[in-house]
Amino acid sequence: MSNNVSSYLIISPCRNEADFMKQTLDSVVAQSIQPKLWIIVDDGSTDETPAILADYASRYPFIKIVKRTDRGHRSVGPGVIEAFYAGLDTVNLSEFDFICKLDLDLIMPPRYFEILIQRMNENPRLGNCSGKPYFIDKNSGQLVSEGCGDENAIGASKFYRRQCFEQIGGFVRQVMWDGIDGHRCRQLGWIAVSWDEPDLRFTHLRPMGSSQKNIFTGRMRHGFGQYFMGTGLIYMLASAVYRMAHPPYVTGGLAMFWGYLSSLIKGLPRFEDKELVKFIRKYQWACLLKGKERATAELNDQQAVVWKG
């Protein structure tokens, strides 16, 4: 397989990523199949990030830097997607077969993109996919799974078939963009999936659900995101209980549920696509009653009739 067989575009929003980004940069330039273009959007960095990016861009022609004005703060969720689109707006997406939103706090295994492209080419209904994130336990030094489900690509590494990305209308510019997109894929008959395999496991240097403040703020933000997406109360409670069994134990799940419940009490705005919310809640009830693996497989089979790839 070579770059002229299947080309892919990476867009990486970043802000003050100097502590992690060299490891991500090195792991991507070492890929068995390099991207046709890698756009890194500097979202107003004030640390050493611009100098590091300039150095890599001077050595690797496929790296392009897009600079945005300093907003004065790091904005996860909508801010990240705004930066993503600032990069996307500089290219003609039709020139690429695949597009990836990639965070700059990851270490990717060397055949990561090659394997994803191969599986996309083998299954035309695959719309988005990824491997699984692992973080380094501070006490043992061992890699620990973040416990993400198989029914969607991971937000830190969203690898999309271009046609699917265009059909779902891209990403919602709000917290939980990386959950809504997978449901939209299934609604339109595409398959969203992630695999936990040695060659697809990537190291997440900043654990998922953490925040620029602390991990509990990140968990509460996730709870708000579930509320915004339209997740039902019973499903959210079950998700919070499940998350209690993963680091940070107990408190992480409680923070998630409080983020959801406090948003519900305040009556904060929710996602306006009523049909998709109805679709999501029906799927979530099926997951509770049948288990997520069976419910997802059955839904993917059912939705094949609406697929227009």
C-alpha atoms as a PDB file:
ATOM      1  CA  MET A   1       0.000   0.000   0.000  1.00  0.00           C
ATOM      2  CA  SER A   2       1.307   3.487  -0.817  1.00  0.00           C
ATOM      3  CA  ASN A   3       0.245   7.075  -0.372  1.00  0.00           C
ATOM      4  CA  ASN A   4      -1.095   7.336  -3.912  1.00  0.00           C
ATOM      5  CA  VAL A   5      -3.523   4.481  -3.260  1.00  0.00           C
ATOM      6  CA  SER A   6      -5.404   6.065  -0.358  1.00  0.00           C
ATOM      7  CA  SER A   7      -4.536   9.554   0.807  1.00  0.00           C
ATOM      8  CA  TYR A   8      -5.420  10.949   4.186  1.00  0.00           C
ATOM      9  CA  LEU A   9      -5.543  14.363   5.785  1.00  0.00           C
ATOM     10  CA  ILE A  10      -4.816  14.972   9.472  1.00  0.00           C
ATOM     11  CA  ILE A  11      -5.999  18.092  11.281  1.00  0.00           C
ATOM     12  CA  SER A  12      -4.657  18.684  14.788  1.00  0.00           C
ATOM     13  CA  PRO A  13      -5.921  21.573  16.917  1.00  0.00           C
ATOM     14  CA  CYS A  14      -3.346  22.595  19.515  1.00  0.00           C
ATOM     15  CA  ARG A  15      -2.780  25.165  22.215  1.00  0.00           C
ATOM     16  CA  ASN A  16       0.278  25.153  24.483  1.00  0.00           C
ATOM     17  CA  GLU A  17       1.081  21.508  23.706  1.00  0.00           C
ATOM     18  CA  ALA A  18       4.868  21.709  24.068  1.00  0.00           C
ATOM     19  CA  ASP A  19       4.945  19.165  26.913  1.00  0.00           C
ATOM     20  CA  PHE A  20       3.541  16.391  24.715  1.00  0.00           C
ATOM     21  CA  MET A  21       3.597  17.258  21.037  1.00  0.00           C
ATOM     22  CA  LYS A  22       7.121  16.167  20.092  1.00  0.00           C
ATOM     23  CA  GLN A  23       6.177  12.590  20.907  1.00  0.00           C
ATOM     24  CA  THR A  24       3.068  12.853  18.724  1.00  0.00           C
ATOM     25  CA  LEU A  25       4.984  14.513  15.896  1.00  0.00           C
ATOM     26  CA  ASP A  26       7.686  11.852  15.967  1.00  0.00           C
ATOM     27  CA  SER A  27       5.155   9.001  16.022  1.00  0.00           C
ATOM     28  CA  VAL A  28       3.225  10.383  13.020  1.00  0.00           C
ATOM     29  CA  VAL A  29       6.237  11.145  10.819  1.00  0.00           C
ATOM     30  CA  ALA A  30       7.380   7.565  11.541  1.00  0.00           C
ATOM     31  CA  GLN A  31       4.109   6.043  10.263  1.00  0.00           C
ATOM     32  CA  SER A  32       4.367   3.303   7.638  1.00  0.00           C
ATOM     33  CA  ILE A  33       2.017   5.479   5.551  1.00  0.00           C
ATOM     34  CA  GLN A  34       2.485   9.178   6.094  1.00  0.00           C
ATOM     35  CA  PRO A  35      -0.382  11.644   5.593  1.00  0.00           C
ATOM     36  CA  LYS A  36      -0.691  13.503   2.312  1.00  0.00           C
ATOM     37  CA  LEU A  37      -1.149  16.625   4.429  1.00  0.00           C
ATOM     38  CA  TRP A  38      -1.048  17.314   8.167  1.00  0.00           C
ATOM     39  CA  ILE A  39      -2.537  20.646   9.191  1.00  0.00           C
ATOM     40  CA  ILE A  40      -1.671  21.696  12.726  1.00  0.00           C
ATOM     41  CA  VAL A  41      -3.788  24.587  13.962  1.00  0.00           C
ATOM     42  CA  ASP A  42      -1.949  26.653  16.566  1.00  0.00           C
ATOM     43  CA  ASP A  43      -4.843  28.070  18.549  1.00  0.00           C
ATOM     44  CA  GLY A  44      -2.957  30.974  20.128  1.00  0.00           C
ATOM     45  CA  SER A  45      -0.139  29.129  21.913  1.00  0.00           C
ATOM     46  CA  THR A  46       2.020  31.146  24.293  1.00  0.00           C
ATOM     47  CA  ASP A  47       4.616  28.487  25.151  1.00  0.00           C
ATOM     48  CA  GLU A  48       7.280  26.821  22.990  1.00  0.00           C
ATOM     49  CA  THR A  49       4.678  25.239  20.674  1.00  0.00           C
ATOM     50  CA  PRO A  50       5.147  27.666  17.705  1.00  0.00           C
ATOM     51  CA  ALA A  51       8.927  27.113  17.644  1.00  0.00           C
ATOM     52  CA  ILE A  52       8.536  23.329  17.780  1.00  0.00           C
ATOM     53  CA  LEU A  53       5.947  23.369  14.995  1.00  0.00           C
ATOM     54  CA  ALA A  54       8.119  25.624  12.816  1.00  0.00           C
ATOM     55  CA  ASP A  55      11.031  23.225  13.213  1.00  0.00           C
ATOM     56  CA  TYR A  56       9.016  20.169  12.159  1.00  0.00           C
ATOM     57  CA  ALA A  57       7.296  22.005   9.286  1.00  0.00           C
ATOM     58  CA  SER A  58      10.722  22.991   7.924  1.00  0.00           C
ATOM     59  CA  ARG A  59      11.788  19.331   7.878  1.00  0.00           C
ATOM     60  CA  TYR A  60       8.579  17.632   6.726  1.00  0.00           C
ATOM     61  CA  PRO A  61       6.839  19.155   3.667  1.00  0.00           C
ATOM     62  CA  PHE A  62       3.484  17.514   4.443  1.00  0.00           C
ATOM     63  CA  ILE A  63       3.172  19.508   7.706  1.00  0.00           C
ATOM     64  CA  LYS A  64       1.349  22.834   7.373  1.00  0.00           C
ATOM     65  CA  ILE A  65       0.847  25.276  10.247  1.00  0.00           C
ATOM     66  CA  VAL A  66      -2.285  27.428  10.565  1.00  0.00           C
ATOM     67  CA  LYS A  67      -2.140  30.133  13.246  1.00  0.00           C
ATOM     68  CA  ARG A  68      -5.141  31.537  15.091  1.00  0.00           C
ATOM     69  CA  THR A  69      -5.337  34.538  17.404  1.00  0.00           C
ATOM     70  CA  ASP A  70      -4.877  33.915  21.127  1.00  0.00           C
ATOM     71  CA  ARG A  71      -8.339  33.663  22.744  1.00  0.00           C
ATOM     72  CA  GLY A  72      -6.820  34.046  26.200  1.00  0.00           C
ATOM     73  CA  HIS A  73      -7.878  30.573  27.418  1.00  0.00           C
ATOM     74  CA  ARG A  74      -7.976  26.923  26.430  1.00  0.00           C
ATOM     75  CA  SER A  75     -11.443  25.874  25.289  1.00  0.00           C
ATOM     76  CA  VAL A  76     -12.170  22.163  25.081  1.00  0.00           C
ATOM     77  CA  GLY A  77     -15.161  20.851  23.144  1.00  0.00           C
ATOM     78  CA  PRO A  78     -16.458  23.696  20.964  1.00  0.00           C
ATOM     79  CA  GLY A  79     -13.102  25.511  21.001  1.00  0.00           C
ATOM     80  CA  VAL A  80     -11.278  22.445  19.724  1.00  0.00           C
ATOM     81  CA  ILE A  81     -13.774  21.951  16.900  1.00  0.00           C
ATOM     82  CA  GLU A  82     -13.614  25.625  15.934  1.00  0.00           C
ATOM     83  CA  ALA A  83      -9.849  25.194  15.594  1.00  0.00           C
ATOM     84  CA  PHE A  84     -10.359  21.980  13.613  1.00  0.00           C
ATOM     85  CA  TYR A  85     -12.568  23.821  11.125  1.00  0.00           C
ATOM     86  CA  ALA A  86     -10.053  26.656  10.881  1.00  0.00           C
ATOM     87  CA  GLY A  87      -7.710  24.037   9.449  1.00  0.00           C
ATOM     88  CA  LEU A  88     -10.309  22.311   7.302  1.00  0.00           C
ATOM     89  CA  ASP A  89     -11.311  25.618   5.703  1.00  0.00           C
ATOM     90  CA  THR A  90      -7.831  25.913   4.162  1.00  0.00           C
ATOM     91  CA  VAL A  91      -8.113  22.782   1.991  1.00  0.00           C
ATOM     92  CA  ASN A  92     -10.315  21.133  -0.607  1.00  0.00           C
ATOM     93  CA  LEU A  93     -11.544  18.046   1.246  1.00  0.00           C
ATOM     94  CA  SER A  94     -12.414  16.246  -2.000  1.00  0.00           C
ATOM     95  CA  GLU A  95      -8.680  15.793  -2.630  1.00  0.00           C
ATOM     96  CA  PHE A  96      -8.479  13.246   0.194  1.00  0.00           C
ATOM     97  CA  ASP A  97      -9.918   9.778   0.753  1.00  0.00           C
ATOM     98  CA  PHE A  98      -9.826  10.019   4.550  1.00  0.00           C
ATOM     99  CA  ILE A  99      -9.673  12.697   7.218  1.00  0.00           C
ATOM    100  CA  CYS A 100      -8.449  12.401  10.801  1.00  0.00           C
ATOM    101  CA  LYS A 101      -8.886  14.737  13.764  1.00  0.00           C
ATOM    102  CA  LEU A 102      -5.824  13.954  15.866  1.00  0.00           C
ATOM    103  CA  ASP A 103      -4.831  15.343  19.248  1.00  0.00           C
ATOM    104  CA  LEU A 104      -1.221  16.297  19.905  1.00  0.00           C
ATOM    105  CA  ASP A 105      -0.889  14.387  23.170  1.00  0.00           C
ATOM    106  CA  LEU A 106      -0.698  10.879  21.709  1.00  0.00           C
ATOM    107  CA  ILE A 107       1.947   8.335  20.787  1.00  0.00           C
ATOM    108  CA  MET A 108       0.761   6.367  17.767  1.00  0.00           C
ATOM    109  CA  PRO A 109       1.986   2.834  16.914  1.00  0.00           C
ATOM    110  CA  PRO A 110       3.924   2.764  13.603  1.00  0.00           C
ATOM    111  CA  ARG A 111       1.338   0.980  11.418  1.00  0.00           C
ATOM    112  CA  TYR A 112      -1.685   2.745  12.916  1.00  0.00           C
ATOM    113  CA  PHE A 113      -2.938   4.599   9.845  1.00  0.00           C
ATOM    114  CA  GLU A 114      -1.944   1.829   7.449  1.00  0.00           C
ATOM    115  CA  ILE A 115      -4.183  -0.625   9.316  1.00  0.00           C
ATOM    116  CA  LEU A 116      -7.125   1.788   9.539  1.00  0.00           C
ATOM    117  CA  ILE A 117      -6.928   2.520   5.801  1.00  0.00           C
ATOM    118  CA  GLN A 118      -6.732  -1.190   5.011  1.00  0.00           C
ATOM    119  CA  ARG A 119      -9.872  -1.928   7.047  1.00  0.00           C
ATOM    120  CA  MET A 120     -11.737   1.000   5.521  1.00  0.00           C
ATOM    121  CA  ASN A 121     -10.894  -0.287   2.059  1.00  0.00           C
ATOM    122  CA  GLU A 122     -12.037  -3.801   2.986  1.00  0.00           C
ATOM    123  CA  ASN A 123     -15.422  -2.673   4.358  1.00  0.00           C
ATOM    124  CA  PRO A 124     -17.151   0.161   2.453  1.00  0.00           C
ATOM    125  CA  ARG A 125     -19.662   0.733   5.287  1.00  0.00           C
ATOM    126  CA  LEU A 126     -16.950   1.648   7.796  1.00  0.00           C
ATOM    127  CA  GLY A 127     -17.469   5.363   8.340  1.00  0.00           C
ATOM    128  CA  ASN A 128     -15.207   6.163  11.273  1.00  0.00           C
ATOM    129  CA  CYS A 129     -12.755   4.065  13.253  1.00  0.00           C
ATOM    130  CA  SER A 130      -9.821   4.156  15.625  1.00  0.00           C
ATOM    131  CA  GLY A 131      -7.694   2.118  17.953  1.00  0.00           C
ATOM    132  CA  LYS A 132      -7.890   2.360  21.731  1.00  0.00           C
ATOM    133  CA  PRO A 133      -6.253   4.836  24.129  1.00  0.00           C
ATOM    134  CA  TYR A 134      -4.056   3.722  27.011  1.00  0.00           C
ATOM    135  CA  PHE A 135      -2.509   5.929  29.689  1.00  0.00           C
ATOM    136  CA  ILE A 136       0.591   5.416  31.809  1.00  0.00           C
ATOM    137  CA  ASP A 137      -0.225   4.680  35.443  1.00  0.00           C
ATOM    138  CA  LYS A 138       1.824   7.060  37.598  1.00  0.00           C
ATOM    139  CA  ASN A 139       2.426   4.459  40.301  1.00  0.00           C
ATOM    140  CA  SER A 140       3.171   1.290  38.339  1.00  0.00           C
ATOM    141  CA  GLY A 141       4.377   2.792  35.061  1.00  0.00           C
ATOM    142  CA  GLN A 142       2.161   0.283  33.228  1.00  0.00           C
ATOM    143  CA  LEU A 143      -0.162   1.107  30.357  1.00  0.00           C
ATOM    144  CA  VAL A 144      -3.813   1.057  31.433  1.00  0.00           C
ATOM    145  CA  SER A 145      -6.823   1.005  29.127  1.00  0.00           C
ATOM    146  CA  GLU A 146      -9.163   3.991  29.331  1.00  0.00           C
ATOM    147  CA  GLY A 147     -12.074   1.579  29.027  1.00  0.00           C
ATOM    148  CA  CYS A 148     -13.686   3.118  25.936  1.00  0.00           C
ATOM    149  CA  GLY A 149     -16.530   1.331  24.155  1.00  0.00           C
ATOM    150  CA  ASP A 150     -16.269  -0.252  20.716  1.00  0.00           C
ATOM    151  CA  GLU A 151     -19.217   1.616  19.164  1.00  0.00           C
ATOM    152  CA  ASN A 152     -17.364   4.732  18.004  1.00  0.00           C
ATOM    153  CA  ALA A 153     -13.942   6.063  17.125  1.00  0.00           C
ATOM    154  CA  ILE A 154     -12.109   7.729  20.006  1.00  0.00           C
ATOM    155  CA  GLY A 155     -12.332  11.532  20.084  1.00  0.00           C
ATOM    156  CA  ALA A 156      -8.562  11.956  20.325  1.00  0.00           C
ATOM    157  CA  SER A 157      -8.117  10.059  17.056  1.00  0.00           C
ATOM    158  CA  LYS A 158     -11.167  10.339  14.769  1.00  0.00           C
ATOM    159  CA  PHE A 159     -10.378   8.647  11.459  1.00  0.00           C
ATOM    160  CA  TYR A 160     -13.135   9.201   8.889  1.00  0.00           C
ATOM    161  CA  ARG A 161     -13.951   8.121   5.393  1.00  0.00           C
ATOM    162  CA  ARG A 162     -14.442  11.430   3.613  1.00  0.00           C
ATOM    163  CA  GLN A 163     -17.866  10.534   2.187  1.00  0.00           C
ATOM    164  CA  CYS A 164     -19.137   9.610   5.661  1.00  0.00           C
ATOM    165  CA  PHE A 165     -17.769  12.791   7.217  1.00  0.00           C
ATOM    166  CA  GLU A 166     -19.544  14.847   4.575  1.00  0.00           C
ATOM    167  CA  GLN A 167     -22.841  12.941   4.904  1.00  0.00           C
ATOM    168  CA  ILE A 168     -23.101  13.395   8.676  1.00  0.00           C
ATOM    169  CA  GLY A 169     -22.442  17.117   8.282  1.00  0.00           C
ATOM    170  CA  GLY A 170     -19.112  17.031  10.104  1.00  0.00           C
ATOM    171  CA  PHE A 171     -18.769  17.685  13.814  1.00  0.00           C
ATOM    172  CA  VAL A 172     -21.221  19.504  16.077  1.00  0.00           C
ATOM    173  CA  ARG A 173     -19.467  22.506  17.603  1.00  0.00           C
ATOM    174  CA  GLN A 174     -20.226  21.621  21.199  1.00  0.00           C
ATOM    175  CA  VAL A 175     -19.108  19.306  23.986  1.00  0.00           C
ATOM    176  CA  MET A 176     -19.992  15.697  23.064  1.00  0.00           C
ATOM    177  CA  TRP A 177     -19.226  16.260  19.383  1.00  0.00           C
ATOM    178  CA  ASP A 178     -17.280  12.990  19.558  1.00  0.00           C
ATOM    179  CA  GLY A 179     -20.338  11.049  20.724  1.00  0.00           C
ATOM    180  CA  ILE A 180     -22.973  12.640  18.526  1.00  0.00           C
ATOM    181  CA  ASP A 181     -20.985  11.883  15.377  1.00  0.00           C
ATOM    182  CA  GLY A 182     -21.035   8.113  15.970  1.00  0.00           C
ATOM    183  CA  HIS A 183     -24.796   8.083  16.474  1.00  0.00           C
ATOM    184  CA  ARG A 184     -25.240  10.122  13.299  1.00  0.00           C
ATOM    185  CA  CYS A 185     -23.116   7.576  11.461  1.00  0.00           C
ATOM    186  CA  ARG A 186     -25.381   4.711  12.551  1.00  0.00           C
ATOM    187  CA  GLN A 187     -28.497   6.740  11.786  1.00  0.00           C
ATOM    188  CA  LEU A 188     -27.288   7.025   8.168  1.00  0.00           C
ATOM    189  CA  GLY A 189     -26.254   3.382   7.914  1.00  0.00           C
ATOM    190  CA  TRP A 190     -22.507   3.784   8.436  1.00  0.00           C
ATOM    191  CA  ILE A 191     -20.528   1.700  10.925  1.00  0.00           C
ATOM    192  CA  ALA A 192     -18.543   3.445  13.677  1.00  0.00           C
ATOM    193  CA  VAL A 193     -16.066   1.304  15.584  1.00  0.00           C
ATOM    194  CA  SER A 194     -12.830   1.154  17.570  1.00  0.00           C
ATOM    195  CA  TRP A 195     -10.596  -1.877  18.079  1.00  0.00           C
ATOM    196  CA  ASP A 196      -8.484  -2.878  21.062  1.00  0.00           C
ATOM    197  CA  GLU A 197      -5.536  -4.591  19.370  1.00  0.00           C
ATOM    198  CA  PRO A 198      -1.781  -4.305  20.047  1.00  0.00           C
ATOM    199  CA  ASP A 199      -0.994  -2.597  16.722  1.00  0.00           C
ATOM    200  CA  LEU A 200      -3.808  -0.070  17.233  1.00  0.00           C
ATOM    201  CA  ARG A 201      -3.254   0.865  20.882  1.00  0.00           C
ATOM    202  CA  PHE A 202      -1.998   4.411  21.304  1.00  0.00           C
ATOM    203  CA  THR A 203      -0.660   6.096  24.414  1.00  0.00           C
ATOM    204  CA  HIS A 204      -2.722   9.030  25.680  1.00  0.00           C
ATOM    205  CA  LEU A 205      -0.342  11.344  27.508  1.00  0.00           C
ATOM    206  CA  ARG A 206      -3.246  13.371  28.913  1.00  0.00           C
ATOM    207  CA  PRO A 207      -5.940  10.899  30.036  1.00  0.00           C
ATOM    208  CA  MET A 208      -9.367  11.183  28.428  1.00  0.00           C
ATOM    209  CA  GLY A 209     -11.842  13.187  30.457  1.00  0.00           C
ATOM    210  CA  SER A 210      -9.144  15.258  32.119  1.00  0.00           C
ATOM    211  CA  SER A 211      -9.231  19.018  31.921  1.00  0.00           C
ATOM    212  CA  GLN A 212      -7.011  22.073  31.884  1.00  0.00           C
ATOM    213  CA  LYS A 213      -8.105  22.384  35.531  1.00  0.00           C
ATOM    214  CA  ASN A 214      -8.330  18.770  36.770  1.00  0.00           C
ATOM    215  CA  ILE A 215      -9.778  15.397  35.832  1.00  0.00           C
ATOM    216  CA  PHE A 216     -12.928  15.933  37.921  1.00  0.00           C
ATOM    217  CA  THR A 217     -13.755  19.058  35.945  1.00  0.00           C
ATOM    218  CA  GLY A 218     -13.298  16.951  32.823  1.00  0.00           C
ATOM    219  CA  ARG A 219     -15.688  14.288  34.102  1.00  0.00           C
ATOM    220  CA  MET A 220     -18.301  16.904  34.977  1.00  0.00           C
ATOM    221  CA  ARG A 221     -17.919  18.360  31.500  1.00  0.00           C
ATOM    222  CA  HIS A 222     -18.541  14.897  30.077  1.00  0.00           C
ATOM    223  CA  GLY A 223     -21.724  14.677  32.145  1.00  0.00           C
ATOM    224  CA  PHE A 224     -22.905  17.971  30.679  1.00  0.00           C
ATOM    225  CA  GLY A 225     -22.054  16.629  27.214  1.00  0.00           C
ATOM    226  CA  GLN A 226     -24.229  13.576  27.771  1.00  0.00           C
ATOM    227  CA  TYR A 227     -27.039  15.872  28.915  1.00  0.00           C
ATOM    228  CA  PHE A 228     -26.605  18.081  25.845  1.00  0.00           C
ATOM    229  CA  MET A 229     -26.657  15.063  23.514  1.00  0.00           C
ATOM    230  CA  GLY A 230     -30.001  13.941  24.937  1.00  0.00           C
ATOM    231  CA  THR A 231     -28.922  10.909  26.962  1.00  0.00           C
ATOM    232  CA  GLY A 232     -31.691   9.639  29.264  1.00  0.00           C
ATOM    233  CA  LEU A 233     -31.346   9.751  33.054  1.00  0.00           C
ATOM    234  CA  ILE A 234     -31.349   5.957  33.575  1.00  0.00           C
ATOM    235  CA  TYR A 235     -28.692   5.376  30.924  1.00  0.00           C
ATOM    236  CA  MET A 236     -26.557   8.164  32.391  1.00  0.00           C
ATOM    237  CA  LEU A 237     -26.800   6.605  35.849  1.00  0.00           C
ATOM    238  CA  ALA A 238     -25.698   3.244  34.462  1.00  0.00           C
ATOM    239  CA  SER A 239     -22.780   4.905  32.623  1.00  0.00           C
ATOM    240  CA  ALA A 240     -21.682   6.718  35.783  1.00  0.00           C
ATOM    241  CA  VAL A 241     -21.750   3.485  37.811  1.00  0.00           C
ATOM    242  CA  TYR A 242     -19.667   1.767  35.109  1.00  0.00           C
ATOM    243  CA  ARG A 243     -17.159   4.619  35.112  1.00  0.00           C
ATOM    244  CA  MET A 244     -16.759   4.316  38.897  1.00  0.00           C
ATOM    245  CA  ALA A 245     -14.831   1.102  38.257  1.00  0.00           C
ATOM    246  CA  HIS A 246     -12.179   3.022  36.269  1.00  0.00           C
ATOM    247  CA  PRO A 247      -9.646   5.637  37.416  1.00  0.00           C
ATOM    248  CA  PRO A 248     -10.298   7.914  39.194  1.00  0.00           C
ATOM    249  CA  TYR A 249     -12.298   5.265  40.998  1.00  0.00           C
ATOM    250  CA  VAL A 250     -15.785   6.152  42.276  1.00  0.00           C
ATOM    251  CA  THR A 251     -15.251   9.916  42.216  1.00  0.00           C
ATOM    252  CA  GLY A 252     -14.920  10.038  38.425  1.00  0.00           C
ATOM    253  CA  GLY A 253     -18.322   8.435  37.932  1.00  0.00           C
ATOM    254  CA  LEU A 254     -19.880  10.642  40.593  1.00  0.00           C
ATOM    255  CA  ALA A 255     -18.481  13.751  38.898  1.00  0.00           C
ATOM    256  CA  MET A 256     -19.934  12.613  35.572  1.00  0.00           C
ATOM    257  CA  PHE A 257     -23.373  12.086  37.051  1.00  0.00           C
ATOM    258  CA  TRP A 258     -23.312  15.426  38.869  1.00  0.00           C
ATOM    259  CA  GLY A 259     -22.338  17.175  35.633  1.00  0.00           C
ATOM    260  CA  TYR A 260     -25.400  15.639  33.987  1.00  0.00           C
ATOM    261  CA  LEU A 261     -27.785  16.166  36.930  1.00  0.00           C
ATOM    262  CA  SER A 262     -26.766  19.775  37.570  1.00  0.00           C
ATOM    263  CA  SER A 263     -27.307  20.565  33.871  1.00  0.00           C
ATOM    264  CA  LEU A 264     -30.752  18.950  34.067  1.00  0.00           C
ATOM    265  CA  ILE A 265     -31.663  20.937  37.199  1.00  0.00           C
ATOM    266  CA  LYS A 266     -30.548  24.188  35.556  1.00  0.00           C
ATOM    267  CA  GLY A 267     -32.499  23.394  32.398  1.00  0.00           C
ATOM    268  CA  LEU A 268     -29.514  24.083  30.135  1.00  0.00           C
ATOM    269  CA  PRO A 269     -30.027  23.952  26.340  1.00  0.00           C
ATOM    270  CA  ARG A 270     -29.937  20.526  24.662  1.00  0.00           C
ATOM    271  CA  PHE A 271     -29.202  19.232  21.184  1.00  0.00           C
ATOM    272  CA  GLU A 272     -31.930  20.414  18.822  1.00  0.00           C
ATOM    273  CA  ASP A 273     -32.037  17.454  16.395  1.00  0.00           C
ATOM    274  CA  LYS A 274     -35.068  15.697  17.882  1.00  0.00           C
ATOM    275  CA  GLU A 275     -34.972  12.780  15.441  1.00  0.00           C
ATOM    276  CA  LEU A 276     -31.374  11.987  16.286  1.00  0.00           C
ATOM    277  CA  VAL A 277     -32.054  12.306  20.024  1.00  0.00           C
ATOM    278  CA  LYS A 278     -34.941   9.837  19.642  1.00  0.00           C
ATOM    279  CA  PHE A 279     -32.619   7.507  17.707  1.00  0.00           C
ATOM    280  CA  ILE A 280     -29.940   7.796  20.417  1.00  0.00           C
ATOM    281  CA  ARG A 281     -32.315   7.062  23.293  1.00  0.00           C
ATOM    282  CA  LYS A 282     -33.775   4.012  21.555  1.00  0.00           C
ATOM    283  CA  TYR A 283     -30.259   2.690  21.031  1.00  0.00           C
ATOM    284  CA  GLN A 284     -29.317   3.391  24.654  1.00  0.00           C
ATOM    285  CA  TRP A 285     -32.322   1.447  25.950  1.00  0.00           C
ATOM    286  CA  ALA A 286     -31.328  -1.458  23.688  1.00  0.00           C
ATOM    287  CA  CYS A 287     -27.823  -1.304  25.189  1.00  0.00           C
ATOM    288  CA  LEU A 288     -29.244  -1.493  28.709  1.00  0.00           C
ATOM    289  CA  LEU A 289     -31.527  -4.410  27.879  1.00  0.00           C
ATOM    290  CA  LYS A 290     -29.292  -6.435  25.540  1.00  0.00           C
ATOM    291  CA  GLY A 291     -25.763  -5.242  26.238  1.00  0.00           C
ATOM    292  CA  LYS A 292     -23.906  -2.717  24.104  1.00  0.00           C
ATOM    293  CA  GLU A 293     -22.145  -5.239  21.851  1.00  0.00           C
ATOM    294  CA  ARG A 294     -25.339  -7.037  20.828  1.00  0.00           C
ATOM    295  CA  ALA A 295     -27.386  -3.845  20.564  1.00  0.00           C
ATOM    296  CA  THR A 296     -24.775  -2.220  18.329  1.00  0.00           C
ATOM    297  CA  ALA A 297     -24.437  -5.259  16.063  1.00  0.00           C
ATOM    298  CA  GLU A 298     -28.203  -5.547  15.640  1.00  0.00           C
ATOM    299  CA  LEU A 299     -28.557  -1.837  14.907  1.00  0.00           C
ATOM    300  CA  ASN A 300     -25.752  -1.918  12.343  1.00  0.00           C
ATOM    301  CA  ASP A 301     -27.492  -4.806  10.560  1.00  0.00           C
ATOM    302  CA  GLN A 302     -30.825  -3.006  10.687  1.00  0.00           C
ATOM    303  CA  GLN A 303     -29.444   0.275   9.360  1.00  0.00           C
ATOM    304  CA  ALA A 304     -27.776  -1.302   6.313  1.00  0.00           C
ATOM    305  CA  VAL A 305     -30.941  -0.556   4.322  1.00  0.00           C
ATOM    306  CA  VAL A 306     -30.516   3.212   4.710  1.00  0.00           C
ATOM    307  CA  TRP A 307     -26.797   3.321   3.830  1.00  0.00           C
ATOM    308  CA  LYS A 308     -25.999   5.379   0.754  1.00  0.00           C
ATOM    309  CA  GLY A 309     -22.232   5.112   0.585  1.00  0.00           C
END
